[in-house]
PDB file of N, CA and C in Angstrom:
ATOM      1  N   MET A   1      73.560 123.437  92.259  1.00  0.00           N
ATOM      2  CA  MET A   1      74.952 124.005  92.367  1.00  0.00           C
ATOM      3  C   MET A   1      76.308 122.801  93.033  1.00  0.00           C
ATOM      4  N   GLU A   2      76.723 122.543  92.617  1.00  0.00           N
ATOM      5  CA  GLU A   2      78.092 122.340  92.585  1.00  0.00           C
ATOM      6  C   GLU A   2      79.170 122.599  94.185  1.00  0.00           C
ATOM      7  N   ASN A   3      78.602 122.042  95.148  1.00  0.00           N
ATOM      8  CA  ASN A   3      80.608 122.136  96.798  1.00  0.00           C
ATOM      9  C   ASN A   3      81.410 122.242  95.822  1.00  0.00           C
ATOM     10  N   LEU A   4      81.661 124.079  96.137  1.00  0.00           N
ATOM     11  CA  LEU A   4      83.516 123.486  95.591  1.00  0.00           C
ATOM     12  C   LEU A   4      83.903 124.337  96.778  1.00  0.00           C
ATOM     13  N   HIS A   5      85.117 124.020  96.416  1.00  0.00           N
ATOM     14  CA  HIS A   5      86.011 123.596  97.688  1.00  0.00           C
ATOM     15  C   HIS A   5      87.077 124.956  97.822  1.00  0.00           C
ATOM     16  N   GLU A   6      88.621 125.550  97.863  1.00  0.00           N
ATOM     17  CA  GLU A   6      89.687 126.322  97.746  1.00  0.00           C
ATOM     18  C   GLU A   6      90.073 125.230  96.338  1.00  0.00           C
ATOM     19  N   GLY A   7      89.971 127.014  96.328  1.00  0.00           N
ATOM     20  CA  GLY A   7      90.467 126.846  94.544  1.00  0.00           C
ATOM     21  C   GLY A   7      89.147 127.135  93.336  1.00  0.00           C
ATOM     22  N   GLY A   8      88.087 126.984  93.584  1.00  0.00           N
ATOM     23  CA  GLY A   8      87.250 126.582  93.089  1.00  0.00           C
ATOM     24  C   GLY A   8      86.848 125.559  92.981  1.00  0.00           C
ATOM     25  N   LEU A   9      87.576 123.920  93.531  1.00  0.00           N
ATOM     26  CA  LEU A   9      87.396 122.666  92.833  1.00  0.00           C
ATOM     27  C   LEU A   9      86.523 121.788  93.719  1.00  0.00           C
ATOM     28  N   ASN A  10      85.818 120.902  92.920  1.00  0.00           N
ATOM     29  CA  ASN A  10      84.582 120.004  93.472  1.00  0.00           C
ATOM     30  C   ASN A  10      84.867 119.206  94.671  1.00  0.00           C
ATOM     31  N   PRO A  11      84.676 118.678  94.961  1.00  0.00           N
ATOM     32  CA  PRO A  11      85.447 117.741  96.054  1.00  0.00           C
ATOM     33  C   PRO A  11      87.025 117.099  95.541  1.00  0.00           C
ATOM     34  N   LYS A  12      86.390 115.519  94.550  1.00  0.00           N
ATOM     35  CA  LYS A  12      86.693 114.891  93.695  1.00  0.00           C
ATOM     36  C   LYS A  12      87.964 115.573  93.390  1.00  0.00           C
ATOM     37  N   GLU A  13      88.129 116.787  93.289  1.00  0.00           N
ATOM     38  CA  GLU A  13      88.699 117.276  91.628  1.00  0.00           C
ATOM     39  C   GLU A  13      90.223 118.021  93.580  1.00  0.00           C
ATOM     40  N   ALA A  14      89.334 118.670  94.098  1.00  0.00           N
ATOM     41  CA  ALA A  14      89.873 118.749  95.722  1.00  0.00           C
ATOM     42  C   ALA A  14      90.986 117.279  95.839  1.00  0.00           C
ATOM     43  N   GLN A  15      90.475 116.597  96.692  1.00  0.00           N
ATOM     44  CA  GLN A  15      91.394 114.510  96.279  1.00  0.00           C
ATOM     45  C   GLN A  15      92.368 115.077  95.316  1.00  0.00           C
ATOM     46  N   GLU A  16      91.586 114.955  93.721  1.00  0.00           N
ATOM     47  CA  GLU A  16      92.699 114.813  93.005  1.00  0.00           C
ATOM     48  C   GLU A  16      94.369 115.848  93.501  1.00  0.00           C
ATOM     49  N   SER A  17      94.106 116.998  94.074  1.00  0.00           N
ATOM     50  CA  SER A  17      94.806 117.645  94.099  1.00  0.00           C
ATOM     51  C   SER A  17      95.838 117.639  95.118  1.00  0.00           C
ATOM     52  N   ALA A  18      95.401 117.392  96.088  1.00  0.00           N
ATOM     53  CA  ALA A  18      96.183 117.008  97.590  1.00  0.00           C
ATOM     54  C   ALA A  18      96.936 115.610  97.293  1.00  0.00           C
ATOM     55  N   ILE A  19      96.606 114.685  96.535  1.00  0.00           N
ATOM     56  CA  ILE A  19      96.693 113.488  96.457  1.00  0.00           C
ATOM     57  C   ILE A  19      98.274 113.884  95.811  1.00  0.00           C
ATOM     58  N   ARG A  20      98.548 114.379  94.501  1.00  0.00           N
ATOM     59  CA  ARG A  20      99.568 114.065  93.047  1.00  0.00           C
ATOM     60  C   ARG A  20     100.203 115.104  94.164  1.00  0.00           C
ATOM     61  N   LYS A  21     100.435 116.925  94.401  1.00  0.00           N
ATOM     62  CA  LYS A  21     101.291 116.895  95.899  1.00  0.00           C
ATOM     63  C   LYS A  21     101.962 116.369  96.562  1.00  0.00           C
ATOM     64  N   LYS A  22     100.950 115.764  97.291  1.00  0.00           N
ATOM     65  CA  LYS A  22     101.787 114.333  98.699  1.00  0.00           C
ATOM     66  C   LYS A  22     102.412 113.472  97.479  1.00  0.00           C
ATOM     67  N   LYS A  23     102.229 113.125  96.681  1.00  0.00           N
ATOM     68  CA  LYS A  23     103.076 112.427  96.028  1.00  0.00           C
ATOM     69  C   LYS A  23     104.168 112.773  95.218  1.00  0.00           C
ATOM     70  N   ASN A  24     104.481 114.336  94.239  1.00  0.00           N
ATOM     71  CA  ASN A  24     105.634 115.156  93.696  1.00  0.00           C
ATOM     72  C   ASN A  24     106.087 115.819  94.929  1.00  0.00           C
ATOM     73  N   ALA A  25     105.845 115.723  96.082  1.00  0.00           N
ATOM     74  CA  ALA A  25     107.523 115.841  97.180  1.00  0.00           C
ATOM     75  C   ALA A  25     107.611 114.069  97.475  1.00  0.00           C
ATOM     76  N   TYR A  26     106.867 113.421  98.541  1.00  0.00           N
ATOM     77  CA  TYR A  26     107.878 111.808  98.294  1.00  0.00           C
ATOM     78  C   TYR A  26     108.348 111.204  97.554  1.00  0.00           C
ATOM     79  N   LYS A  27     108.106 111.961  96.141  1.00  0.00           N
ATOM     80  CA  LYS A  27     108.915 111.306  94.973  1.00  0.00           C
ATOM     81  C   LYS A  27     110.035 112.345  94.795  1.00  0.00           C
ATOM     82  N   LYS A  28     110.118 113.250  95.971  1.00  0.00           N
ATOM     83  CA  LYS A  28     111.795 113.622  95.025  1.00  0.00           C
ATOM     84  C   LYS A  28     112.995 113.437  96.263  1.00  0.00           C
ATOM     85  N   ILE A  29     111.620 112.926  98.245  1.00  0.00           N
ATOM     86  CA  ILE A  29     112.859 112.357  98.727  1.00  0.00           C
ATOM     87  C   ILE A  29     113.014 110.807  98.454  1.00  0.00           C
ATOM     88  N   PHE A  30     112.420 110.750  97.960  1.00  0.00           N
ATOM     89  CA  PHE A  30     112.522 109.082  96.984  1.00  0.00           C
ATOM     90  C   PHE A  30     113.439 109.194  95.382  1.00  0.00           C
ATOM     91  N   LYS A  31     113.743 110.300  95.259  1.00  0.00           N
ATOM     92  CA  LYS A  31     114.575 110.409  93.643  1.00  0.00           C
ATOM     93  C   LYS A  31     115.583 109.277  93.401  1.00  0.00           C
ATOM     94  N   ASP A  32     116.319 109.680  94.155  1.00  0.00           N
ATOM     95  CA  ASP A  32     117.912 107.917  94.641  1.00  0.00           C
ATOM     96  C   ASP A  32     118.156 107.509  94.771  1.00  0.00           C
ATOM     97  N   VAL A  33     116.443 106.332  94.577  1.00  0.00           N
ATOM     98  CA  VAL A  33     116.276 105.609  95.107  1.00  0.00           C
ATOM     99  C   VAL A  33     117.026 104.423  93.474  1.00  0.00           C
ATOM    100  N   ASP A  34     117.360 103.332  93.936  1.00  0.00           N
ATOM    101  CA  ASP A  34     117.987 102.442  92.961  1.00  0.00           C
ATOM    102  C   ASP A  34     117.317 102.277  91.973  1.00  0.00           C
ATOM    103  N   GLU A  35     117.437 101.996  90.641  1.00  0.00           N
ATOM    104  CA  GLU A  35     116.588 102.014  89.150  1.00  0.00           C
ATOM    105  C   GLU A  35     115.836 100.494  89.413  1.00  0.00           C
ATOM    106  N   SER A  36     116.342  99.668  90.030  1.00  0.00           N
ATOM    107  CA  SER A  36     115.851  98.798  90.320  1.00  0.00           C
ATOM    108  C   SER A  36     114.593  98.248  90.919  1.00  0.00           C
ATOM    109  N   LYS A  37     114.515  99.445  91.918  1.00  0.00           N
ATOM    110  CA  LYS A  37     113.673  99.193  92.962  1.00  0.00           C
ATOM    111  C   LYS A  37     113.009 100.283  92.855  1.00  0.00           C
ATOM    112  N   LYS A  38     112.599 101.213  91.636  1.00  0.00           N
ATOM    113  CA  LYS A  38     111.980 102.618  90.953  1.00  0.00           C
ATOM    114  C   LYS A  38     110.079 102.500  90.957  1.00  0.00           C
ATOM    115  N   LYS A  39     109.800 101.561  90.347  1.00  0.00           N
ATOM    116  CA  LYS A  39     109.057 101.182  90.610  1.00  0.00           C
ATOM    117  C   LYS A  39     107.683 100.858  91.507  1.00  0.00           C
ATOM    118  N   PHE A  40     108.741  99.938  91.688  1.00  0.00           N
ATOM    119  CA  PHE A  40     108.268  99.533  93.388  1.00  0.00           C
ATOM    120  C   PHE A  40     107.638 100.753  94.360  1.00  0.00           C
ATOM    121  N   VAL A  41     109.047 101.761  94.396  1.00  0.00           N
ATOM    122  CA  VAL A  41     109.008 102.477  95.268  1.00  0.00           C
ATOM    123  C   VAL A  41     107.600 103.788  94.924  1.00  0.00           C
ATOM    124  N   ASP A  42     107.806 103.121  93.536  1.00  0.00           N
ATOM    125  CA  ASP A  42     106.828 105.091  92.929  1.00  0.00           C
ATOM    126  C   ASP A  42     104.808 104.249  93.054  1.00  0.00           C
ATOM    127  N   SER A  43     104.928 103.128  93.126  1.00  0.00           N
ATOM    128  CA  SER A  43     103.800 102.751  93.644  1.00  0.00           C
ATOM    129  C   SER A  43     103.245 102.330  95.032  1.00  0.00           C
ATOM    130  N   MET A  44     103.971 102.379  96.181  1.00  0.00           N
ATOM    131  CA  MET A  44     104.491 102.554  97.139  1.00  0.00           C
ATOM    132  C   MET A  44     103.604 104.554  97.444  1.00  0.00           C
ATOM    133  N   ILE A  45     104.488 104.821  96.679  1.00  0.00           N
ATOM    134  CA  ILE A  45     104.448 106.343  97.094  1.00  0.00           C
ATOM    135  C   ILE A  45     102.316 107.083  97.076  1.00  0.00           C
ATOM    136  N   SER A  46     102.231 106.259  95.676  1.00  0.00           N
ATOM    137  CA  SER A  46     100.635 106.793  95.170  1.00  0.00           C
ATOM    138  C   SER A  46     100.190 106.371  95.920  1.00  0.00           C
ATOM    139  N   GLN A  47     100.085 104.329  96.921  1.00  0.00           N
ATOM    140  CA  GLN A  47      99.277 104.283  97.385  1.00  0.00           C
ATOM    141  C   GLN A  47      99.378 105.372  99.249  1.00  0.00           C
ATOM    142  N   LEU A  48     100.546 105.696  99.548  1.00  0.00           N
ATOM    143  CA  LEU A  48     100.630 106.623 100.645  1.00  0.00           C
ATOM    144  C   LEU A  48     100.001 107.566 100.123  1.00  0.00           C
ATOM    145  N   ALA A  49     100.075 108.929  99.355  1.00  0.00           N
ATOM    146  CA  ALA A  49      99.570 109.164  99.250  1.00  0.00           C
ATOM    147  C   ALA A  49      98.264 109.443  99.037  1.00  0.00           C
ATOM    148  N   TYR A  50      97.798 108.989  98.456  1.00  0.00           N
ATOM    149  CA  TYR A  50      95.490 108.211  98.759  1.00  0.00           C
ATOM    150  C   TYR A  50      96.028 108.054 100.213  1.00  0.00           C
ATOM    151  N   ILE A  51      96.414 107.382 100.821  1.00  0.00           N
ATOM    152  CA  ILE A  51      96.713 106.817 102.082  1.00  0.00           C
ATOM    153  C   ILE A  51      96.271 108.639 103.066  1.00  0.00           C
ATOM    154  N   GLU A  52      96.557 109.006 103.155  1.00  0.00           N
ATOM    155  CA  GLU A  52      97.704 109.982 104.053  1.00  0.00           C
ATOM    156  C   GLU A  52      96.322 110.778 103.795  1.00  0.00           C
ATOM    157  N   ILE A  53      96.024 111.256 102.837  1.00  0.00           N
ATOM    158  CA  ILE A  53      94.507 112.080 101.930  1.00  0.00           C
ATOM    159  C   ILE A  53      93.904 111.846 102.678  1.00  0.00           C
ATOM    160  N   SER A  54      93.347 109.897 102.381  1.00  0.00           N
ATOM    161  CA  SER A  54      92.557 109.480 103.938  1.00  0.00           C
ATOM    162  C   SER A  54      91.976 109.432 104.750  1.00  0.00           C
ATOM    163  N   LEU A  55      93.690 109.095 105.272  1.00  0.00           N
ATOM    164  CA  LEU A  55      93.291 109.488 106.153  1.00  0.00           C
ATOM    165  C   LEU A  55      93.015 111.045 107.051  1.00  0.00           C
ATOM    166  N   GLU A  56      93.166 112.290 106.255  1.00  0.00           N
ATOM    167  CA  GLU A  56      93.059 113.580 106.794  1.00  0.00           C
ATOM    168  C   GLU A  56      91.143 113.519 106.650  1.00  0.00           C
ATOM    169  N   GLU A  57      90.538 113.619 105.859  1.00  0.00           N
ATOM    170  CA  GLU A  57      89.220 113.423 106.022  1.00  0.00           C
ATOM    171  C   GLU A  57      88.587 112.498 106.206  1.00  0.00           C
ATOM    172  N   LEU A  58      89.140 111.390 106.988  1.00  0.00           N
ATOM    173  CA  LEU A  58      88.395 110.222 108.131  1.00  0.00           C
ATOM    174  C   LEU A  58      88.410 111.111 109.155  1.00  0.00           C
ATOM    175  N   GLN A  59      89.560 111.794 109.392  1.00  0.00           N
ATOM    176  CA  GLN A  59      89.844 112.451 111.027  1.00  0.00           C
ATOM    177  C   GLN A  59      88.911 113.920 111.341  1.00  0.00           C
ATOM    178  N   ASN A  60      89.216 114.260 109.883  1.00  0.00           N
ATOM    179  CA  ASN A  60      87.699 115.377 109.562  1.00  0.00           C
ATOM    180  C   ASN A  60      86.865 114.725 110.027  1.00  0.00           C
ATOM    181  N   GLN A  61      85.673 113.892 109.579  1.00  0.00           N
ATOM    182  CA  GLN A  61      84.672 112.839 109.735  1.00  0.00           C
ATOM    183  C   GLN A  61      84.609 112.565 110.851  1.00  0.00           C
ATOM    184  N   THR A  62      85.589 111.633 112.188  1.00  0.00           N
ATOM    185  CA  THR A  62      85.298 111.994 113.559  1.00  0.00           C
ATOM    186  C   THR A  62      85.980 113.209 114.137  1.00  0.00           C
ATOM    187  N   ILE A  63      86.071 113.908 114.353  1.00  0.00           N
ATOM    188  CA  ILE A  63      86.930 115.245 114.626  1.00  0.00           C
ATOM    189  C   ILE A  63      84.825 115.555 114.470  1.00  0.00           C
ATOM    190  N   ASN A  64      84.113 115.271 113.651  1.00  0.00           N
ATOM    191  CA  ASN A  64      82.869 116.492 112.832  1.00  0.00           C
ATOM    192  C   ASN A  64      82.079 115.463 113.712  1.00  0.00           C
ATOM    193  N   ASP A  65      81.673 114.314 113.510  1.00  0.00           N
ATOM    194  CA  ASP A  65      80.547 112.437 114.175  1.00  0.00           C
ATOM    195  C   ASP A  65      81.205 111.986 114.974  1.00  0.00           C
ATOM    196  N   GLY A  66      82.346 112.417 115.680  1.00  0.00           N
ATOM    197  CA  GLY A  66      82.347 112.244 117.446  1.00  0.00           C
ATOM    198  C   GLY A  66      83.128 109.910 116.718  1.00  0.00           C
ATOM    199  N   TYR A  67      84.106 109.374 117.147  1.00  0.00           N
ATOM    200  CA  TYR A  67      83.988 108.197 117.187  1.00  0.00           C
ATOM    201  C   TYR A  67      83.207 107.550 117.713  1.00  0.00           C
ATOM    202  N   ILE A  68      82.443 107.872 117.864  1.00  0.00           N
ATOM    203  CA  ILE A  68      80.778 106.267 118.628  1.00  0.00           C
ATOM    204  C   ILE A  68      79.959 106.904 118.259  1.00  0.00           C
ATOM    205  N   GLU A  69      79.168 106.570 117.628  1.00  0.00           N
ATOM    206  CA  GLU A  69      77.439 106.152 117.071  1.00  0.00           C
ATOM    207  C   GLU A  69      76.637 106.090 117.564  1.00  0.00           C
ATOM    208  N   LEU A  70      75.960 105.934 117.291  1.00  0.00           N
ATOM    209  CA  LEU A  70      73.689 105.014 117.956  1.00  0.00           C
ATOM    210  C   LEU A  70      73.631 105.038 116.451  1.00  0.00           C
ATOM    211  N   PHE A  71      73.363 103.167 116.789  1.00  0.00           N
ATOM    212  CA  PHE A  71      73.332 102.599 115.614  1.00  0.00           C
ATOM    213  C   PHE A  71      71.881 101.783 116.234  1.00  0.00           C
ATOM    214  N   GLU A  72      71.236 102.255 115.047  1.00  0.00           N
ATOM    215  CA  GLU A  72      69.724 101.778 115.351  1.00  0.00           C
ATOM    216  C   GLU A  72      69.098 100.266 114.402  1.00  0.00           C
ATOM    217  N   GLN A  73      68.954  99.742 114.678  1.00  0.00           N
ATOM    218  CA  GLN A  73      68.882  98.251 113.679  1.00  0.00           C
ATOM    219  C   GLN A  73      67.270  97.789 114.394  1.00  0.00           C
ATOM    220  N   GLY A  74      65.813  98.087 113.760  1.00  0.00           N
ATOM    221  CA  GLY A  74      64.769  97.819 114.126  1.00  0.00           C
ATOM    222  C   GLY A  74      64.231  97.961 115.570  1.00  0.00           C
ATOM    223  N   ASN A  75      64.227  97.232 117.162  1.00  0.00           N
ATOM    224  CA  ASN A  75      63.900  97.963 117.659  1.00  0.00           C
ATOM    225  C   ASN A  75      65.191  98.233 118.498  1.00  0.00           C
ATOM    226  N   GLN A  76      66.153  97.299 117.894  1.00  0.00           N
ATOM    227  CA  GLN A  76      67.260  97.431 118.927  1.00  0.00           C
ATOM    228  C   GLN A  76      68.558  98.142 118.287  1.00  0.00           C
ATOM    229  N   SER A  77      68.879  99.507 119.608  1.00  0.00           N
ATOM    230  CA  SER A  77      69.958 100.469 119.579  1.00  0.00           C
ATOM    231  C   SER A  77      71.080  99.956 120.345  1.00  0.00           C
ATOM    232  N   PHE A  78      72.629 100.310 119.334  1.00  0.00           N
ATOM    233  CA  PHE A  78      73.661 100.613 120.636  1.00  0.00           C
ATOM    234  C   PHE A  78      74.333 101.679 120.305  1.00  0.00           C
ATOM    235  N   LEU A  79      75.982 102.241 120.724  1.00  0.00           N
ATOM    236  CA  LEU A  79      76.587 102.231 120.429  1.00  0.00           C
ATOM    237  C   LEU A  79      77.678 101.369 119.630  1.00  0.00           C
ATOM    238  N   ARG A  80      78.697 101.623 119.015  1.00  0.00           N
ATOM    239  CA  ARG A  80      79.169 101.870 118.016  1.00  0.00           C
ATOM    240  C   ARG A  80      80.735 102.377 117.777  1.00  0.00           C
ATOM    241  N   GLU A  81      81.050 102.123 117.481  1.00  0.00           N
ATOM    242  CA  GLU A  81      82.786 102.498 116.983  1.00  0.00           C
ATOM    243  C   GLU A  81      82.022 103.151 115.063  1.00  0.00           C
ATOM    244  N   HIS A  82      82.027 104.528 114.931  1.00  0.00           N
ATOM    245  CA  HIS A  82      81.311 105.106 113.208  1.00  0.00           C
ATOM    246  C   HIS A  82      82.800 104.574 112.487  1.00  0.00           C
ATOM    247  N   PRO A  83      82.214 104.409 111.644  1.00  0.00           N
ATOM    248  CA  PRO A  83      82.607 104.336 110.244  1.00  0.00           C
ATOM    249  C   PRO A  83      83.829 104.329 109.950  1.00  0.00           C
ATOM    250  N   ALA A  84      83.632 105.089 109.687  1.00  0.00           N
ATOM    251  CA  ALA A  84      85.159 106.340 109.253  1.00  0.00           C
ATOM    252  C   ALA A  84      86.372 106.422 110.551  1.00  0.00           C
ATOM    253  N   ALA A  85      85.787 105.615 111.765  1.00  0.00           N
ATOM    254  CA  ALA A  85      87.613 105.422 112.353  1.00  0.00           C
ATOM    255  C   ALA A  85      87.756 104.301 112.537  1.00  0.00           C
ATOM    256  N   LYS A  86      86.514 103.285 111.945  1.00  0.00           N
ATOM    257  CA  LYS A  86      86.878 102.047 111.843  1.00  0.00           C
ATOM    258  C   LYS A  86      88.428 102.353 110.134  1.00  0.00           C
ATOM    259  N   SER A  87      87.264 102.657 109.750  1.00  0.00           N
ATOM    260  CA  SER A  87      88.444 102.748 108.131  1.00  0.00           C
ATOM    261  C   SER A  87      89.667 103.807 108.624  1.00  0.00           C
ATOM    262  N   TYR A  88      89.849 105.510 109.847  1.00  0.00           N
ATOM    263  CA  TYR A  88      90.732 105.254 109.467  1.00  0.00           C
ATOM    264  C   TYR A  88      91.559 104.285 110.845  1.00  0.00           C
ATOM    265  N   ASN A  89      91.718 103.999 111.870  1.00  0.00           N
ATOM    266  CA  ASN A  89      92.164 102.122 112.549  1.00  0.00           C
ATOM    267  C   ASN A  89      92.333 101.171 111.292  1.00  0.00           C
ATOM    268  N   SER A  90      92.134 101.129 109.741  1.00  0.00           N
ATOM    269  CA  SER A  90      92.317 100.151 109.315  1.00  0.00           C
ATOM    270  C   SER A  90      93.551 101.081 107.754  1.00  0.00           C
ATOM    271  N   TYR A  91      93.006 102.299 108.285  1.00  0.00           N
ATOM    272  CA  TYR A  91      94.396 102.864 106.933  1.00  0.00           C
ATOM    273  C   TYR A  91      95.612 103.311 107.678  1.00  0.00           C
ATOM    274  N   ILE A  92      95.608 103.243 109.139  1.00  0.00           N
ATOM    275  CA  ILE A  92      96.901 103.933 109.327  1.00  0.00           C
ATOM    276  C   ILE A  92      97.683 103.227 109.950  1.00  0.00           C
ATOM    277  N   LYS A  93      96.663 101.300 109.873  1.00  0.00           N
ATOM    278  CA  LYS A  93      98.238 100.318 109.640  1.00  0.00           C
ATOM    279  C   LYS A  93      99.065 100.144 109.256  1.00  0.00           C
ATOM    280  N   SER A  94      98.212 100.356 107.124  1.00  0.00           N
ATOM    281  CA  SER A  94      98.471 100.152 106.215  1.00  0.00           C
ATOM    282  C   SER A  94      99.762 101.405 106.063  1.00  0.00           C
ATOM    283  N   TYR A  95      99.099 102.626 106.590  1.00  0.00           N
ATOM    284  CA  TYR A  95      99.924 104.123 106.095  1.00  0.00           C
ATOM    285  C   TYR A  95     101.621 103.836 107.330  1.00  0.00           C
ATOM    286  N   THR A  96     101.404 102.446 108.023  1.00  0.00           N
ATOM    287  CA  THR A  96     102.505 102.580 108.759  1.00  0.00           C
ATOM    288  C   THR A  96     103.245 101.714 108.548  1.00  0.00           C
ATOM    289  N   THR A  97     103.126 100.088 107.730  1.00  0.00           N
ATOM    290  CA  THR A  97     103.422  99.523 107.287  1.00  0.00           C
ATOM    291  C   THR A  97     104.211  99.947 105.566  1.00  0.00           C
ATOM    292  N   ILE A  98     103.263 100.951 105.071  1.00  0.00           N
ATOM    293  CA  ILE A  98     104.066 101.370 104.109  1.00  0.00           C
ATOM    294  C   ILE A  98     105.371 102.888 103.877  1.00  0.00           C
ATOM    295  N   ILE A  99     105.320 103.616 104.862  1.00  0.00           N
ATOM    296  CA  ILE A  99     106.311 103.982 105.247  1.00  0.00           C
ATOM    297  C   ILE A  99     107.478 103.014 105.810  1.00  0.00           C
ATOM    298  N   LYS A 100     107.050 102.023 106.942  1.00  0.00           N
ATOM    299  CA  LYS A 100     108.409 101.885 106.788  1.00  0.00           C
ATOM    300  C   LYS A 100     109.076 100.734 105.790  1.00  0.00           C
ATOM    301  N   THR A 101     108.649 100.283 104.390  1.00  0.00           N
ATOM    302  CA  THR A 101     109.086  99.801 103.743  1.00  0.00           C
ATOM    303  C   THR A 101     109.622 101.136 103.106  1.00  0.00           C
ATOM    304  N   LEU A 102     109.158 102.089 102.758  1.00  0.00           N
ATOM    305  CA  LEU A 102     110.363 102.885 102.592  1.00  0.00           C
ATOM    306  C   LEU A 102     110.659 102.840 102.681  1.00  0.00           C
ATOM    307  N   ILE A 103     111.118 103.893 104.143  1.00  0.00           N
ATOM    308  CA  ILE A 103     111.977 104.092 105.689  1.00  0.00           C
ATOM    309  C   ILE A 103     113.509 102.801 104.787  1.00  0.00           C
ATOM    310  N   ASP A 104     112.913 101.576 105.208  1.00  0.00           N
ATOM    311  CA  ASP A 104     113.898 100.925 105.215  1.00  0.00           C
ATOM    312  C   ASP A 104     114.603 100.442 103.427  1.00  0.00           C
ATOM    313  N   ILE A 105     114.024 101.612 102.783  1.00  0.00           N
ATOM    314  CA  ILE A 105     114.545 101.140 101.542  1.00  0.00           C
ATOM    315  C   ILE A 105     115.817 102.239 101.553  1.00  0.00           C
ATOM    316  N   VAL A 106     115.332 103.410 101.258  1.00  0.00           N
ATOM    317  CA  VAL A 106     116.472 104.811 101.584  1.00  0.00           C
ATOM    318  C   VAL A 106     117.562 104.631 102.125  1.00  0.00           C
ATOM    319  N   PRO A 107     118.277 104.722 102.138  1.00  0.00           N
ATOM    320  CA  PRO A 107     119.986 104.779 102.657  1.00  0.00           C
ATOM    321  C   PRO A 107     119.762 105.552 103.867  1.00  0.00           C
ATOM    322  N   ALA A 108     120.776 104.926 104.673  1.00  0.00           N
ATOM    323  CA  ALA A 108     120.740 106.308 106.146  1.00  0.00           C
ATOM    324  C   ALA A 108     120.768 107.351 105.773  1.00  0.00           C
ATOM    325  N   ALA A 109     122.340 107.711 105.726  1.00  0.00           N
ATOM    326  CA  ALA A 109     122.056 108.646 105.309  1.00  0.00           C
ATOM    327  C   ALA A 109     121.374 109.900 104.583  1.00  0.00           C
ATOM    328  N   LYS A 110     120.644 109.177 103.405  1.00  0.00           N
ATOM    329  CA  LYS A 110     119.204 110.352 102.628  1.00  0.00           C
ATOM    330  C   LYS A 110     118.030 110.312 104.020  1.00  0.00           C
ATOM    331  N   GLN A 111     117.907 109.042 104.215  1.00  0.00           N
ATOM    332  CA  GLN A 111     117.523 109.021 105.242  1.00  0.00           C
ATOM    333  C   GLN A 111     117.703 110.457 107.086  1.00  0.00           C
ATOM    334  N   SER A 112     118.723 110.376 107.561  1.00  0.00           N
ATOM    335  CA  SER A 112     118.472 111.705 108.196  1.00  0.00           C
ATOM    336  C   SER A 112     118.419 113.231 107.253  1.00  0.00           C
ATOM    337  N   ASP A 113     118.979 112.630 105.813  1.00  0.00           N
ATOM    338  CA  ASP A 113     119.013 114.530 105.978  1.00  0.00           C
ATOM    339  C   ASP A 113     117.091 114.382 105.247  1.00  0.00           C
ATOM    340  N   GLU A 114     116.566 113.843 105.383  1.00  0.00           N
ATOM    341  CA  GLU A 114     115.289 114.588 104.886  1.00  0.00           C
ATOM    342  C   GLU A 114     114.505 114.814 105.759  1.00  0.00           C
ATOM    343  N   LEU A 115     114.840 113.311 106.665  1.00  0.00           N
ATOM    344  CA  LEU A 115     114.297 113.745 108.128  1.00  0.00           C
ATOM    345  C   LEU A 115     113.861 114.797 108.714  1.00  0.00           C
ATOM    346  N   GLN A 116     115.511 115.308 108.443  1.00  0.00           N
ATOM    347  CA  GLN A 116     115.904 116.925 108.937  1.00  0.00           C
ATOM    348  C   GLN A 116     114.665 117.732 108.382  1.00  0.00           C
ATOM    349  N   LYS A 117     114.829 117.702 106.849  1.00  0.00           N
ATOM    350  CA  LYS A 117     114.491 118.828 106.716  1.00  0.00           C
ATOM    351  C   LYS A 117     112.466 118.669 106.894  1.00  0.00           C
ATOM    352  N   PHE A 118     111.944 117.114 107.094  1.00  0.00           N
ATOM    353  CA  PHE A 118     110.755 117.205 107.087  1.00  0.00           C
ATOM    354  C   PHE A 118     110.170 118.026 108.109  1.00  0.00           C
ATOM    355  N   LEU A 119     111.115 117.867 109.598  1.00  0.00           N
ATOM    356  CA  LEU A 119     110.894 118.365 110.959  1.00  0.00           C
ATOM    357  C   LEU A 119     111.170 119.752 111.270  1.00  0.00           C
ATOM    358  N   ASP A 120     112.096 120.309 109.956  1.00  0.00           N
ATOM    359  CA  ASP A 120     112.389 121.936 109.951  1.00  0.00           C
ATOM    360  C   ASP A 120     110.767 122.216 109.496  1.00  0.00           C
ATOM    361  N   LYS A 121     110.362 122.088 108.236  1.00  0.00           N
ATOM    362  CA  LYS A 121     108.888 122.592 108.166  1.00  0.00           C
ATOM    363  C   LYS A 121     107.820 122.301 108.738  1.00  0.00           C
ATOM    364  N   LYS A 122     107.967 120.736 109.708  1.00  0.00           N
ATOM    365  CA  LYS A 122     106.566 121.101 110.339  1.00  0.00           C
ATOM    366  C   LYS A 122     107.260 122.159 111.731  1.00  0.00           C
ATOM    367  N   LYS A 123     108.657 122.846 111.975  1.00  0.00           N
ATOM    368  CA  LYS A 123     108.352 124.042 113.009  1.00  0.00           C
ATOM    369  C   LYS A 123     107.620 124.413 112.776  1.00  0.00           C
ATOM    370  N   LYS A 124     108.471 124.592 111.411  1.00  0.00           N
ATOM    371  CA  LYS A 124     107.402 126.271 110.534  1.00  0.00           C
ATOM    372  C   LYS A 124     106.400 126.120 110.772  1.00  0.00           C
ATOM    373  N   LEU A 125     105.239 125.690 111.016  1.00  0.00           N
ATOM    374  CA  LEU A 125     103.582 125.529 111.226  1.00  0.00           C
ATOM    375  C   LEU A 125     103.371 125.573 112.518  1.00  0.00           C
TER     376      LEU A 125
END
């Protein structure tokens, strides 16, 4: 039997749905971007949405499995960084770079409005 997530979606469908929601939210924030930068921004938004959902999944995996794991190879065994933690660290660097790039594209007045909306949403949670 197939493992179903919220709303009856399988894991892949749930991930695609979450990515789509993130992309739509970011597109609203960047809707007023200059047309000459629109294609670039859309591409960055797609990457950002994927990375953001992946970071959540990797974070959950490290919470469940730990940041360090026992690795055995032949007669040797040692502790190492969990592969999910390595991926998380790599993704967070990309995430930070993309966010900075997008922020640099948005006019300062728009940044402060959208930042305030974002902060207000987080306060409600």
